[in-house]
Amino acid sequence: MIYITRRERFNAAHKLFREEWSAEKNLEIFGKCANPNWHGHNYELFVTVKGDVNPETGYVLDLKILKHIVQKYVVDKLDHKNVNLDVDFMSGKMASTEVLCIEIFNQLDPHIKDAGVVLHRVKLVETENNYVEYYGR
């Protein structure tokens, strides 16, 4: 078993808030992240797949295929978008980095399985100091 990782980048805006809470409570819980005018991040996404090396190609998975899957099902949907308003797979969900990371995993998993490998991990870096990793269930 070997692991291989592809890095992608995208920029997106979001805010953390709950409609049923007052502006004061949202500010108390989420701080600046509840800014009513949104805020953005330059995200880094690391997608790690695992499998056996194909003896004919020397690959676990051709990285061009992995790049295509990540671009089509994640980056194209998120880049320069508002996570709360524009991203279909985030509709009705809290736009935290944790939830976003889980939902990115869920978007990629079936397509990576179809490519014949296993999605091992999604790592989403929000800032130079904060990131989330999700390994599925």
N, C-alpha and C. Protein backbone atom coordinates (compact mmCIF):
# COMPACT_ATOMS: atom_id res chain seq x y z
N MET A 1 0.85 -1.18 0.00
CA MET A 1 0.00 0.00 0.00
C MET A 1 0.89 1.23 0.00
N ILE A 2 0.56 2.17 -0.89
CA ILE A 2 1.31 3.42 -0.97
C ILE A 2 0.31 4.57 -1.05
N TYR A 3 0.75 5.73 -0.58
CA TYR A 3 -0.09 6.92 -0.51
C TYR A 3 0.49 7.98 -1.44
N ILE A 4 -0.40 8.70 -2.12
CA ILE A 4 0.05 9.80 -2.98
C ILE A 4 -0.91 10.96 -2.78
N THR A 5 -0.36 12.18 -2.78
CA THR A 5 -1.15 13.36 -2.45
C THR A 5 -1.04 14.40 -3.56
N ARG A 6 -2.18 15.01 -3.84
CA ARG A 6 -2.27 16.13 -4.80
C ARG A 6 -2.67 17.38 -4.02
N ARG A 7 -1.99 18.49 -4.27
CA ARG A 7 -2.35 19.77 -3.67
C ARG A 7 -3.03 20.64 -4.70
N GLU A 8 -4.10 21.29 -4.27
CA GLU A 8 -4.79 22.29 -5.08
C GLU A 8 -5.01 23.52 -4.20
N ARG A 9 -5.30 24.63 -4.83
CA ARG A 9 -5.58 25.86 -4.10
C ARG A 9 -6.86 26.49 -4.64
N PHE A 10 -7.58 27.15 -3.75
CA PHE A 10 -8.75 27.91 -4.17
C PHE A 10 -8.99 29.03 -3.16
N ASN A 11 -9.69 30.05 -3.62
CA ASN A 11 -10.05 31.19 -2.77
C ASN A 11 -11.57 31.17 -2.62
N ALA A 12 -12.04 31.38 -1.41
CA ALA A 12 -13.49 31.39 -1.19
C ALA A 12 -13.82 32.26 0.01
N ALA A 13 -15.04 32.79 -0.01
CA ALA A 13 -15.57 33.59 1.09
C ALA A 13 -16.59 32.77 1.86
N HIS A 14 -16.78 33.12 3.12
CA HIS A 14 -17.82 32.50 3.92
C HIS A 14 -18.03 33.33 5.17
N LYS A 15 -19.03 32.95 5.93
CA LYS A 15 -19.19 33.46 7.28
C LYS A 15 -19.80 32.36 8.12
N LEU A 16 -19.52 32.43 9.40
CA LEU A 16 -20.07 31.48 10.35
C LEU A 16 -21.19 32.18 11.10
N PHE A 17 -22.37 31.64 11.02
CA PHE A 17 -23.51 32.23 11.71
C PHE A 17 -24.66 31.23 11.71
N ARG A 18 -25.55 31.44 12.63
CA ARG A 18 -26.78 30.66 12.69
C ARG A 18 -27.94 31.65 12.59
N GLU A 19 -28.81 31.42 11.63
CA GLU A 19 -29.95 32.31 11.38
C GLU A 19 -30.81 32.49 12.64
N GLU A 20 -30.96 31.42 13.40
CA GLU A 20 -31.86 31.46 14.56
C GLU A 20 -31.25 32.20 15.76
N TRP A 21 -29.97 32.56 15.67
CA TRP A 21 -29.32 33.30 16.75
C TRP A 21 -29.31 34.80 16.44
N SER A 22 -29.25 35.59 17.49
CA SER A 22 -29.13 37.03 17.32
C SER A 22 -27.74 37.37 16.78
N ALA A 23 -27.60 38.58 16.27
CA ALA A 23 -26.29 39.04 15.81
C ALA A 23 -25.29 39.03 16.96
N GLU A 24 -25.76 39.38 18.16
CA GLU A 24 -24.88 39.41 19.33
C GLU A 24 -24.38 38.01 19.68
N LYS A 25 -25.28 37.03 19.65
CA LYS A 25 -24.85 35.67 19.98
C LYS A 25 -23.91 35.12 18.92
N ASN A 26 -24.18 35.38 17.64
CA ASN A 26 -23.27 34.95 16.58
C ASN A 26 -21.90 35.56 16.78
N LEU A 27 -21.85 36.84 17.12
CA LEU A 27 -20.58 37.51 17.36
C LEU A 27 -19.87 36.91 18.57
N GLU A 28 -20.63 36.61 19.61
CA GLU A 28 -20.04 36.01 20.81
C GLU A 28 -19.43 34.64 20.52
N ILE A 29 -20.11 33.83 19.76
CA ILE A 29 -19.65 32.46 19.48
C ILE A 29 -18.60 32.43 18.37
N PHE A 30 -18.84 33.14 17.28
CA PHE A 30 -17.99 33.03 16.10
C PHE A 30 -17.02 34.19 15.91
N GLY A 31 -17.14 35.24 16.70
CA GLY A 31 -16.23 36.37 16.60
C GLY A 31 -16.25 37.01 15.22
N LYS A 32 -15.07 37.39 14.73
CA LYS A 32 -14.95 38.05 13.43
C LYS A 32 -15.46 37.19 12.29
N CYS A 33 -15.49 35.88 12.50
CA CYS A 33 -15.96 34.97 11.44
C CYS A 33 -17.45 35.14 11.16
N ALA A 34 -18.17 35.86 12.04
CA ALA A 34 -19.59 36.12 11.83
C ALA A 34 -19.83 37.46 11.14
N ASN A 35 -18.79 38.08 10.62
CA ASN A 35 -18.91 39.37 9.95
C ASN A 35 -20.04 39.30 8.93
N PRO A 36 -21.05 40.17 9.04
CA PRO A 36 -22.18 40.11 8.10
C PRO A 36 -21.79 40.33 6.65
N ASN A 37 -20.63 40.93 6.42
CA ASN A 37 -20.16 41.17 5.06
C ASN A 37 -19.17 40.12 4.57
N TRP A 38 -19.12 38.97 5.28
CA TRP A 38 -18.31 37.83 4.87
C TRP A 38 -16.82 38.08 5.10
N HIS A 39 -16.04 37.07 4.90
CA HIS A 39 -14.58 37.16 4.89
C HIS A 39 -14.08 35.99 4.06
N GLY A 40 -12.82 36.03 3.65
CA GLY A 40 -12.33 35.00 2.75
C GLY A 40 -11.01 34.41 3.16
N HIS A 41 -10.68 33.29 2.50
CA HIS A 41 -9.43 32.59 2.76
C HIS A 41 -8.83 32.13 1.43
N ASN A 42 -7.52 32.00 1.44
CA ASN A 42 -6.79 31.34 0.36
C ASN A 42 -6.52 29.92 0.86
N TYR A 43 -7.40 29.02 0.50
CA TYR A 43 -7.32 27.65 1.00
C TYR A 43 -6.29 26.83 0.23
N GLU A 44 -5.70 25.88 0.93
CA GLU A 44 -4.90 24.83 0.31
C GLU A 44 -5.59 23.51 0.62
N LEU A 45 -5.75 22.70 -0.41
CA LEU A 45 -6.43 21.42 -0.29
C LEU A 45 -5.44 20.31 -0.65
N PHE A 46 -5.31 19.34 0.24
CA PHE A 46 -4.44 18.18 -0.01
C PHE A 46 -5.33 16.94 -0.04
N VAL A 47 -5.31 16.23 -1.15
CA VAL A 47 -6.11 15.03 -1.32
C VAL A 47 -5.15 13.85 -1.43
N THR A 48 -5.26 12.92 -0.49
CA THR A 48 -4.38 11.75 -0.45
C THR A 48 -5.18 10.51 -0.77
N VAL A 49 -4.68 9.75 -1.74
CA VAL A 49 -5.29 8.47 -2.10
C VAL A 49 -4.29 7.36 -1.78
N LYS A 50 -4.81 6.14 -1.65
CA LYS A 50 -3.93 5.01 -1.37
C LYS A 50 -4.33 3.82 -2.22
N GLY A 51 -3.34 2.98 -2.45
CA GLY A 51 -3.58 1.78 -3.23
C GLY A 51 -2.27 1.08 -3.51
N ASP A 52 -2.35 0.10 -4.35
CA ASP A 52 -1.15 -0.63 -4.76
C ASP A 52 -0.60 -0.02 -6.03
N VAL A 53 0.69 -0.12 -6.21
CA VAL A 53 1.33 0.38 -7.42
C VAL A 53 1.04 -0.57 -8.57
N ASN A 54 0.56 0.00 -9.67
CA ASN A 54 0.33 -0.78 -10.87
C ASN A 54 1.70 -1.13 -11.46
N PRO A 55 2.02 -2.42 -11.62
CA PRO A 55 3.35 -2.78 -12.10
C PRO A 55 3.63 -2.32 -13.54
N GLU A 56 2.59 -2.09 -14.33
CA GLU A 56 2.79 -1.65 -15.72
C GLU A 56 3.09 -0.16 -15.81
N THR A 57 2.42 0.65 -14.98
CA THR A 57 2.59 2.11 -15.06
C THR A 57 3.52 2.67 -13.99
N GLY A 58 3.64 1.94 -12.89
CA GLY A 58 4.38 2.47 -11.74
C GLY A 58 3.57 3.45 -10.92
N TYR A 59 2.29 3.63 -11.25
CA TYR A 59 1.41 4.57 -10.57
C TYR A 59 0.47 3.85 -9.61
N VAL A 60 0.07 4.56 -8.56
CA VAL A 60 -1.13 4.20 -7.81
C VAL A 60 -2.33 4.70 -8.60
N LEU A 61 -2.22 5.96 -9.01
CA LEU A 61 -3.23 6.62 -9.83
C LEU A 61 -2.51 7.70 -10.62
N ASP A 62 -2.79 7.78 -11.88
CA ASP A 62 -2.23 8.85 -12.70
C ASP A 62 -2.67 10.19 -12.09
N LEU A 63 -1.72 11.03 -11.74
CA LEU A 63 -2.04 12.30 -11.09
C LEU A 63 -2.86 13.23 -11.97
N LYS A 64 -2.81 13.04 -13.29
CA LYS A 64 -3.69 13.83 -14.17
C LYS A 64 -5.15 13.49 -13.90
N ILE A 65 -5.42 12.22 -13.63
CA ILE A 65 -6.80 11.80 -13.31
C ILE A 65 -7.23 12.39 -11.97
N LEU A 66 -6.36 12.30 -10.97
CA LEU A 66 -6.69 12.87 -9.66
C LEU A 66 -6.91 14.37 -9.77
N LYS A 67 -6.06 15.06 -10.52
CA LYS A 67 -6.22 16.50 -10.71
C LYS A 67 -7.58 16.80 -11.34
N HIS A 68 -7.96 16.06 -12.34
CA HIS A 68 -9.25 16.27 -13.01
C HIS A 68 -10.42 16.09 -12.04
N ILE A 69 -10.37 15.03 -11.25
CA ILE A 69 -11.45 14.76 -10.29
C ILE A 69 -11.56 15.90 -9.27
N VAL A 70 -10.44 16.30 -8.70
CA VAL A 70 -10.45 17.36 -7.68
C VAL A 70 -10.92 18.68 -8.29
N GLN A 71 -10.45 19.00 -9.48
CA GLN A 71 -10.86 20.24 -10.14
C GLN A 71 -12.37 20.24 -10.42
N LYS A 72 -12.85 19.18 -11.03
CA LYS A 72 -14.25 19.12 -11.46
C LYS A 72 -15.24 19.12 -10.31
N TYR A 73 -14.97 18.33 -9.28
CA TYR A 73 -15.96 18.12 -8.23
C TYR A 73 -15.77 19.00 -7.00
N VAL A 74 -14.63 19.71 -6.93
CA VAL A 74 -14.38 20.55 -5.76
C VAL A 74 -13.92 21.96 -6.15
N VAL A 75 -12.77 22.09 -6.76
CA VAL A 75 -12.18 23.41 -6.99
C VAL A 75 -13.07 24.27 -7.88
N ASP A 76 -13.58 23.72 -8.96
CA ASP A 76 -14.44 24.50 -9.85
C ASP A 76 -15.69 25.00 -9.13
N LYS A 77 -16.16 24.25 -8.14
CA LYS A 77 -17.36 24.64 -7.39
C LYS A 77 -17.07 25.65 -6.29
N LEU A 78 -15.82 25.70 -5.81
CA LEU A 78 -15.47 26.55 -4.68
C LEU A 78 -14.67 27.80 -5.02
N ASP A 79 -13.85 27.75 -6.04
CA ASP A 79 -12.91 28.83 -6.30
C ASP A 79 -13.63 30.13 -6.64
N HIS A 80 -13.29 31.18 -5.89
CA HIS A 80 -13.87 32.51 -6.03
C HIS A 80 -15.38 32.50 -5.86
N LYS A 81 -15.83 31.65 -4.93
CA LYS A 81 -17.26 31.55 -4.64
C LYS A 81 -17.50 31.87 -3.16
N ASN A 82 -18.77 32.09 -2.85
CA ASN A 82 -19.20 32.24 -1.47
C ASN A 82 -19.70 30.87 -1.02
N VAL A 83 -19.03 30.27 -0.05
CA VAL A 83 -19.35 28.91 0.40
C VAL A 83 -20.80 28.84 0.89
N ASN A 84 -21.27 29.86 1.58
CA ASN A 84 -22.63 29.86 2.12
C ASN A 84 -23.70 29.98 1.03
N LEU A 85 -23.40 30.68 -0.04
CA LEU A 85 -24.43 31.01 -1.03
C LEU A 85 -24.30 30.27 -2.35
N ASP A 86 -23.08 29.95 -2.77
CA ASP A 86 -22.85 29.50 -4.15
C ASP A 86 -22.53 28.02 -4.32
N VAL A 87 -22.25 27.32 -3.24
CA VAL A 87 -21.70 25.96 -3.35
C VAL A 87 -22.79 24.94 -3.07
N ASP A 88 -23.19 24.19 -4.10
CA ASP A 88 -24.32 23.28 -3.97
C ASP A 88 -24.17 22.28 -2.83
N PHE A 89 -22.99 21.71 -2.67
CA PHE A 89 -22.84 20.67 -1.66
C PHE A 89 -22.72 21.23 -0.24
N MET A 90 -22.72 22.55 -0.09
CA MET A 90 -22.70 23.17 1.23
C MET A 90 -24.04 23.81 1.59
N SER A 91 -25.02 23.67 0.74
CA SER A 91 -26.33 24.27 0.98
C SER A 91 -26.92 23.77 2.30
N GLY A 92 -27.29 24.71 3.16
CA GLY A 92 -27.91 24.37 4.44
C GLY A 92 -26.95 23.88 5.51
N LYS A 93 -25.66 23.94 5.25
CA LYS A 93 -24.66 23.45 6.21
C LYS A 93 -23.84 24.61 6.75
N MET A 94 -23.34 24.44 7.96
CA MET A 94 -22.43 25.44 8.55
C MET A 94 -21.17 25.48 7.70
N ALA A 95 -20.72 26.66 7.35
CA ALA A 95 -19.58 26.82 6.45
C ALA A 95 -18.25 26.86 7.20
N SER A 96 -18.12 26.06 8.26
CA SER A 96 -16.85 25.97 8.97
C SER A 96 -15.86 25.16 8.15
N THR A 97 -14.61 25.30 8.46
CA THR A 97 -13.58 24.53 7.76
C THR A 97 -13.77 23.03 8.01
N GLU A 98 -14.20 22.67 9.21
CA GLU A 98 -14.43 21.26 9.53
C GLU A 98 -15.51 20.67 8.63
N VAL A 99 -16.65 21.34 8.54
CA VAL A 99 -17.75 20.83 7.71
C VAL A 99 -17.36 20.86 6.24
N LEU A 100 -16.69 21.91 5.81
CA LEU A 100 -16.25 22.00 4.42
C LEU A 100 -15.32 20.84 4.07
N CYS A 101 -14.41 20.51 4.94
CA CYS A 101 -13.48 19.40 4.71
C CYS A 101 -14.23 18.07 4.58
N ILE A 102 -15.18 17.82 5.47
CA ILE A 102 -15.99 16.60 5.40
C ILE A 102 -16.75 16.53 4.08
N GLU A 103 -17.35 17.64 3.69
CA GLU A 103 -18.15 17.65 2.46
C GLU A 103 -17.28 17.53 1.21
N ILE A 104 -16.07 18.06 1.24
CA ILE A 104 -15.14 17.84 0.13
C ILE A 104 -14.82 16.36 0.01
N PHE A 105 -14.55 15.73 1.14
CA PHE A 105 -14.29 14.27 1.14
C PHE A 105 -15.48 13.54 0.51
N ASN A 106 -16.69 13.91 0.93
CA ASN A 106 -17.89 13.25 0.40
C ASN A 106 -18.06 13.46 -1.09
N GLN A 107 -17.65 14.63 -1.58
CA GLN A 107 -17.74 14.90 -3.02
C GLN A 107 -16.75 14.05 -3.81
N LEU A 108 -15.56 13.88 -3.26
CA LEU A 108 -14.49 13.17 -3.99
C LEU A 108 -14.58 11.66 -3.90
N ASP A 109 -15.03 11.15 -2.77
CA ASP A 109 -14.95 9.72 -2.49
C ASP A 109 -15.51 8.82 -3.60
N PRO A 110 -16.72 9.02 -4.09
CA PRO A 110 -17.22 8.09 -5.11
C PRO A 110 -16.43 8.14 -6.42
N HIS A 111 -15.93 9.30 -6.78
CA HIS A 111 -15.20 9.45 -8.03
C HIS A 111 -13.80 8.84 -7.93
N ILE A 112 -13.22 8.94 -6.77
CA ILE A 112 -11.91 8.32 -6.55
C ILE A 112 -12.04 6.81 -6.50
N LYS A 113 -13.12 6.31 -5.89
CA LYS A 113 -13.38 4.86 -5.92
C LYS A 113 -13.53 4.37 -7.36
N ASP A 114 -14.25 5.14 -8.17
CA ASP A 114 -14.42 4.77 -9.58
C ASP A 114 -13.10 4.71 -10.32
N ALA A 115 -12.12 5.47 -9.84
CA ALA A 115 -10.79 5.47 -10.46
C ALA A 115 -9.94 4.29 -9.98
N GLY A 116 -10.48 3.51 -9.05
CA GLY A 116 -9.80 2.28 -8.63
C GLY A 116 -8.88 2.40 -7.44
N VAL A 117 -8.96 3.51 -6.71
CA VAL A 117 -8.14 3.67 -5.51
C VAL A 117 -9.04 4.12 -4.35
N VAL A 118 -8.44 4.26 -3.19
CA VAL A 118 -9.18 4.63 -1.99
C VAL A 118 -8.80 6.05 -1.57
N LEU A 119 -9.81 6.85 -1.28
CA LEU A 119 -9.55 8.18 -0.73
C LEU A 119 -9.15 8.01 0.73
N HIS A 120 -7.93 8.37 1.04
CA HIS A 120 -7.41 8.18 2.39
C HIS A 120 -7.67 9.39 3.29
N ARG A 121 -7.40 10.59 2.76
CA ARG A 121 -7.47 11.78 3.59
C ARG A 121 -7.71 13.02 2.75
N VAL A 122 -8.45 13.95 3.33
CA VAL A 122 -8.56 15.30 2.80
C VAL A 122 -8.06 16.23 3.90
N LYS A 123 -7.10 17.06 3.54
CA LYS A 123 -6.56 18.07 4.46
C LYS A 123 -6.89 19.43 3.86
N LEU A 124 -7.52 20.27 4.65
CA LEU A 124 -7.90 21.60 4.18
C LEU A 124 -7.24 22.63 5.08
N VAL A 125 -6.35 23.43 4.49
CA VAL A 125 -5.63 24.47 5.22
C VAL A 125 -6.37 25.78 5.01
N GLU A 126 -6.82 26.37 6.12
CA GLU A 126 -7.56 27.63 6.06
C GLU A 126 -6.62 28.83 6.20
N THR A 127 -5.68 28.73 7.13
CA THR A 127 -4.67 29.76 7.32
C THR A 127 -3.34 29.07 7.57
N GLU A 128 -2.28 29.83 7.66
CA GLU A 128 -0.98 29.20 7.90
C GLU A 128 -0.94 28.52 9.27
N ASN A 129 -1.86 28.87 10.14
CA ASN A 129 -1.88 28.28 11.48
C ASN A 129 -2.99 27.26 11.70
N ASN A 130 -3.97 27.17 10.82
CA ASN A 130 -5.14 26.33 11.05
C ASN A 130 -5.44 25.43 9.87
N TYR A 131 -5.61 24.15 10.15
CA TYR A 131 -6.04 23.22 9.12
C TYR A 131 -6.84 22.08 9.75
N VAL A 132 -7.58 21.40 8.89
CA VAL A 132 -8.42 20.29 9.29
C VAL A 132 -8.05 19.09 8.42
N GLU A 133 -8.08 17.90 9.01
CA GLU A 133 -7.88 16.66 8.27
C GLU A 133 -9.07 15.75 8.51
N TYR A 134 -9.53 15.11 7.44
CA TYR A 134 -10.64 14.17 7.56
C TYR A 134 -10.30 12.89 6.82
N TYR A 135 -10.51 11.78 7.51
CA TYR A 135 -10.16 10.45 6.99
C TYR A 135 -11.40 9.61 6.66
N GLY A 136 -12.56 10.23 6.66
CA GLY A 136 -13.78 9.48 6.39
C GLY A 136 -14.25 8.76 7.63
N ARG A 137 -15.27 7.98 7.44
CA ARG A 137 -15.83 7.23 8.58
C ARG A 137 -15.43 5.80 8.52
